[in-house]
Amino acid sequence: MPPEDASRVGAMRRLVRARLKYCGLQRMSDDVAVIVSELLTNAILHSGGEQITFVMTVRDSSLRISVHDGMPGNLKIRPVNSDAETGRGLFLVASLVDAHHGTWGVSDAGATTWCSLPC
């Protein structure tokens, strides 16, 4: 990943942590920062798109995160060789979402990946 993109992902993690603290949800900040980082990194590395939209909302006791890259695709968790250095991002997202009793999925023909976590 180009350094400027890595810097942007880091900036979004910091923004997410600050926003969760502001909303009184700092207990979720570590896991949510990882989820956001993985979804954004996945969009940057695999979408081929030029614009990525990240939205995080808190509504009705639920935190919703979505990352839209504008590039439809067949996004799914795939088995990864134990020696592989990449390829575990969606598995990690699914595991963290499951640990929080949330849901995640893909919409817009694969162009948007989202998750919802109870607050």
C-alpha atoms as a PDB file:
ATOM      1  CA  MET A   1       0.000   0.000   0.000  1.00  0.00           C
ATOM      2  CA  PRO A   2       1.373   3.451  -0.842  1.00  0.00           C
ATOM      3  CA  PRO A   3       2.535   5.438   2.213  1.00  0.00           C
ATOM      4  CA  GLU A   4      -0.100   8.150   1.685  1.00  0.00           C
ATOM      5  CA  ASP A   5      -2.873   5.544   1.806  1.00  0.00           C
ATOM      6  CA  ALA A   6      -1.416   3.945   4.927  1.00  0.00           C
ATOM      7  CA  SER A   7      -1.332   7.403   6.489  1.00  0.00           C
ATOM      8  CA  ARG A   8      -4.999   7.947   5.620  1.00  0.00           C
ATOM      9  CA  VAL A   9      -5.994   4.640   7.210  1.00  0.00           C
ATOM     10  CA  GLY A  10      -4.095   5.632  10.364  1.00  0.00           C
ATOM     11  CA  ALA A  11      -5.830   9.007  10.402  1.00  0.00           C
ATOM     12  CA  MET A  12      -9.225   7.309  10.150  1.00  0.00           C
ATOM     13  CA  ARG A  13      -8.368   5.019  13.087  1.00  0.00           C
ATOM     14  CA  ARG A  14      -7.545   8.089  15.181  1.00  0.00           C
ATOM     15  CA  LEU A  15     -10.744   9.813  14.080  1.00  0.00           C
ATOM     16  CA  VAL A  16     -12.809   6.725  14.943  1.00  0.00           C
ATOM     17  CA  ARG A  17     -11.261   6.521  18.408  1.00  0.00           C
ATOM     18  CA  ALA A  18     -11.932  10.212  19.049  1.00  0.00           C
ATOM     19  CA  ARG A  19     -15.537   9.958  17.857  1.00  0.00           C
ATOM     20  CA  LEU A  20     -16.225   6.872  19.962  1.00  0.00           C
ATOM     21  CA  LYS A  21     -14.765   8.599  23.013  1.00  0.00           C
ATOM     22  CA  TYR A  22     -16.989  11.618  22.330  1.00  0.00           C
ATOM     23  CA  CYS A  23     -20.016   9.295  22.146  1.00  0.00           C
ATOM     24  CA  GLY A  24     -19.058   7.516  25.384  1.00  0.00           C
ATOM     25  CA  LEU A  25     -18.200   4.306  23.534  1.00  0.00           C
ATOM     26  CA  GLN A  26     -14.451   4.216  24.137  1.00  0.00           C
ATOM     27  CA  ARG A  27     -14.715   0.624  25.421  1.00  0.00           C
ATOM     28  CA  MET A  28     -15.334  -0.392  21.800  1.00  0.00           C
ATOM     29  CA  SER A  29     -12.582   1.714  20.300  1.00  0.00           C
ATOM     30  CA  ASP A  30      -9.851  -0.938  19.964  1.00  0.00           C
ATOM     31  CA  ASP A  31     -12.046  -3.421  18.117  1.00  0.00           C
ATOM     32  CA  VAL A  32     -13.791  -0.782  16.011  1.00  0.00           C
ATOM     33  CA  ALA A  33     -10.432   0.737  15.020  1.00  0.00           C
ATOM     34  CA  VAL A  34      -9.292  -2.686  13.785  1.00  0.00           C
ATOM     35  CA  ILE A  35     -12.557  -3.230  11.872  1.00  0.00           C
ATOM     36  CA  VAL A  36     -12.303   0.178  10.203  1.00  0.00           C
ATOM     37  CA  SER A  37      -8.636  -0.332   9.400  1.00  0.00           C
ATOM     38  CA  GLU A  38      -9.276  -3.725   7.799  1.00  0.00           C
ATOM     39  CA  LEU A  39     -12.284  -2.568   5.766  1.00  0.00           C
ATOM     40  CA  LEU A  40     -10.498   0.537   4.496  1.00  0.00           C
ATOM     41  CA  THR A  41      -7.304  -1.359   3.704  1.00  0.00           C
ATOM     42  CA  ASN A  42      -9.290  -4.001   1.848  1.00  0.00           C
ATOM     43  CA  ALA A  43     -11.034  -1.310  -0.201  1.00  0.00           C
ATOM     44  CA  ILE A  44      -7.743   0.418  -1.013  1.00  0.00           C
ATOM     45  CA  LEU A  45      -5.900  -2.765  -1.984  1.00  0.00           C
ATOM     46  CA  HIS A  46      -8.581  -4.630  -3.891  1.00  0.00           C
ATOM     47  CA  SER A  47     -11.108  -2.207  -5.287  1.00  0.00           C
ATOM     48  CA  GLY A  48      -9.189  -0.425  -7.993  1.00  0.00           C
ATOM     49  CA  GLY A  49     -11.473   2.510  -7.295  1.00  0.00           C
ATOM     50  CA  GLU A  50     -10.378   6.081  -6.954  1.00  0.00           C
ATOM     51  CA  GLN A  51     -12.790   7.121  -4.218  1.00  0.00           C
ATOM     52  CA  ILE A  52     -13.643   5.339  -0.997  1.00  0.00           C
ATOM     53  CA  THR A  53     -16.434   6.488   1.292  1.00  0.00           C
ATOM     54  CA  PHE A  54     -16.380   5.656   5.002  1.00  0.00           C
ATOM     55  CA  VAL A  55     -19.450   6.266   7.183  1.00  0.00           C
ATOM     56  CA  MET A  56     -19.845   5.583  10.892  1.00  0.00           C
ATOM     57  CA  THR A  57     -23.125   6.317  12.651  1.00  0.00           C
ATOM     58  CA  VAL A  58     -24.557   5.694  16.097  1.00  0.00           C
ATOM     59  CA  ARG A  59     -28.315   5.338  16.034  1.00  0.00           C
ATOM     60  CA  ASP A  60     -30.868   3.364  18.041  1.00  0.00           C
ATOM     61  CA  SER A  61     -28.187   1.798  20.308  1.00  0.00           C
ATOM     62  CA  SER A  62     -26.273   0.509  17.308  1.00  0.00           C
ATOM     63  CA  LEU A  63     -22.956   1.487  15.761  1.00  0.00           C
ATOM     64  CA  ARG A  64     -22.966   1.084  11.995  1.00  0.00           C
ATOM     65  CA  ILE A  65     -19.845   1.222   9.852  1.00  0.00           C
ATOM     66  CA  SER A  66     -19.800   1.119   6.072  1.00  0.00           C
ATOM     67  CA  VAL A  67     -17.030   1.371   3.511  1.00  0.00           C
ATOM     68  CA  HIS A  68     -18.033   1.935  -0.104  1.00  0.00           C
ATOM     69  CA  ASP A  69     -15.444   1.662  -2.866  1.00  0.00           C
ATOM     70  CA  GLY A  70     -17.701   1.817  -5.907  1.00  0.00           C
ATOM     71  CA  MET A  71     -16.323  -1.401  -7.359  1.00  0.00           C
ATOM     72  CA  PRO A  72     -18.760  -4.311  -7.319  1.00  0.00           C
ATOM     73  CA  GLY A  73     -17.158  -7.646  -6.637  1.00  0.00           C
ATOM     74  CA  ASN A  74     -17.401 -11.025  -5.009  1.00  0.00           C
ATOM     75  CA  LEU A  75     -16.255 -10.217  -1.485  1.00  0.00           C
ATOM     76  CA  LYS A  76     -16.080 -13.198   0.869  1.00  0.00           C
ATOM     77  CA  ILE A  77     -13.903 -14.778   3.512  1.00  0.00           C
ATOM     78  CA  ARG A  78     -11.426 -17.119   1.885  1.00  0.00           C
ATOM     79  CA  PRO A  79      -9.202 -19.782   3.390  1.00  0.00           C
ATOM     80  CA  VAL A  80      -5.634 -18.573   3.789  1.00  0.00           C
ATOM     81  CA  ASN A  81      -2.450 -20.601   3.840  1.00  0.00           C
ATOM     82  CA  SER A  82      -0.829 -20.435   7.282  1.00  0.00           C
ATOM     83  CA  ASP A  83       2.329 -19.004   5.684  1.00  0.00           C
ATOM     84  CA  ALA A  84       0.481 -16.181   3.925  1.00  0.00           C
ATOM     85  CA  GLU A  85       1.245 -12.674   5.146  1.00  0.00           C
ATOM     86  CA  THR A  86      -2.085 -11.218   3.978  1.00  0.00           C
ATOM     87  CA  GLY A  87      -5.660 -12.305   3.380  1.00  0.00           C
ATOM     88  CA  ARG A  88      -7.074 -12.454   6.896  1.00  0.00           C
ATOM     89  CA  GLY A  89      -8.788  -9.054   7.030  1.00  0.00           C
ATOM     90  CA  LEU A  90     -12.385 -10.162   6.479  1.00  0.00           C
ATOM     91  CA  PHE A  91     -11.928 -13.120   8.818  1.00  0.00           C
ATOM     92  CA  LEU A  92     -10.713 -10.700  11.481  1.00  0.00           C
ATOM     93  CA  VAL A  93     -13.652  -8.343  10.843  1.00  0.00           C
ATOM     94  CA  ALA A  94     -16.138 -11.220  11.036  1.00  0.00           C
ATOM     95  CA  SER A  95     -14.566 -12.481  14.274  1.00  0.00           C
ATOM     96  CA  LEU A  96     -14.659  -9.074  15.971  1.00  0.00           C
ATOM     97  CA  VAL A  97     -18.219  -8.400  14.829  1.00  0.00           C
ATOM     98  CA  ASP A  98     -19.276 -11.828  16.094  1.00  0.00           C
ATOM     99  CA  ALA A  99     -17.566 -11.191  19.460  1.00  0.00           C
ATOM    100  CA  HIS A 100     -19.743  -8.078  19.820  1.00  0.00           C
ATOM    101  CA  HIS A 101     -22.888  -9.989  18.754  1.00  0.00           C
ATOM    102  CA  GLY A 102     -23.176  -7.830  15.666  1.00  0.00           C
ATOM    103  CA  THR A 103     -23.766  -8.448  11.998  1.00  0.00           C
ATOM    104  CA  TRP A 104     -21.793  -7.702   8.859  1.00  0.00           C
ATOM    105  CA  GLY A 105     -22.334  -8.053   5.180  1.00  0.00           C
ATOM    106  CA  VAL A 106     -21.850  -6.786   1.684  1.00  0.00           C
ATOM    107  CA  SER A 107     -24.275  -4.719  -0.372  1.00  0.00           C
ATOM    108  CA  ASP A 108     -24.376  -2.803  -3.651  1.00  0.00           C
ATOM    109  CA  ALA A 109     -23.195  -5.931  -5.513  1.00  0.00           C
ATOM    110  CA  GLY A 110     -20.079  -6.031  -3.344  1.00  0.00           C
ATOM    111  CA  ALA A 111     -19.208  -2.331  -3.545  1.00  0.00           C
ATOM    112  CA  THR A 112     -20.101  -1.680   0.123  1.00  0.00           C
ATOM    113  CA  THR A 113     -18.958  -3.657   3.138  1.00  0.00           C
ATOM    114  CA  TRP A 114     -20.759  -2.856   6.375  1.00  0.00           C
ATOM    115  CA  CYS A 115     -21.164  -3.974   9.949  1.00  0.00           C
ATOM    116  CA  SER A 116     -23.496  -3.168  12.790  1.00  0.00           C
ATOM    117  CA  LEU A 117     -22.531  -3.518  16.448  1.00  0.00           C
ATOM    118  CA  PRO A 118     -24.828  -3.111  19.440  1.00  0.00           C
ATOM    119  CA  CYS A 119     -23.747  -0.321  21.769  1.00  0.00           C
END
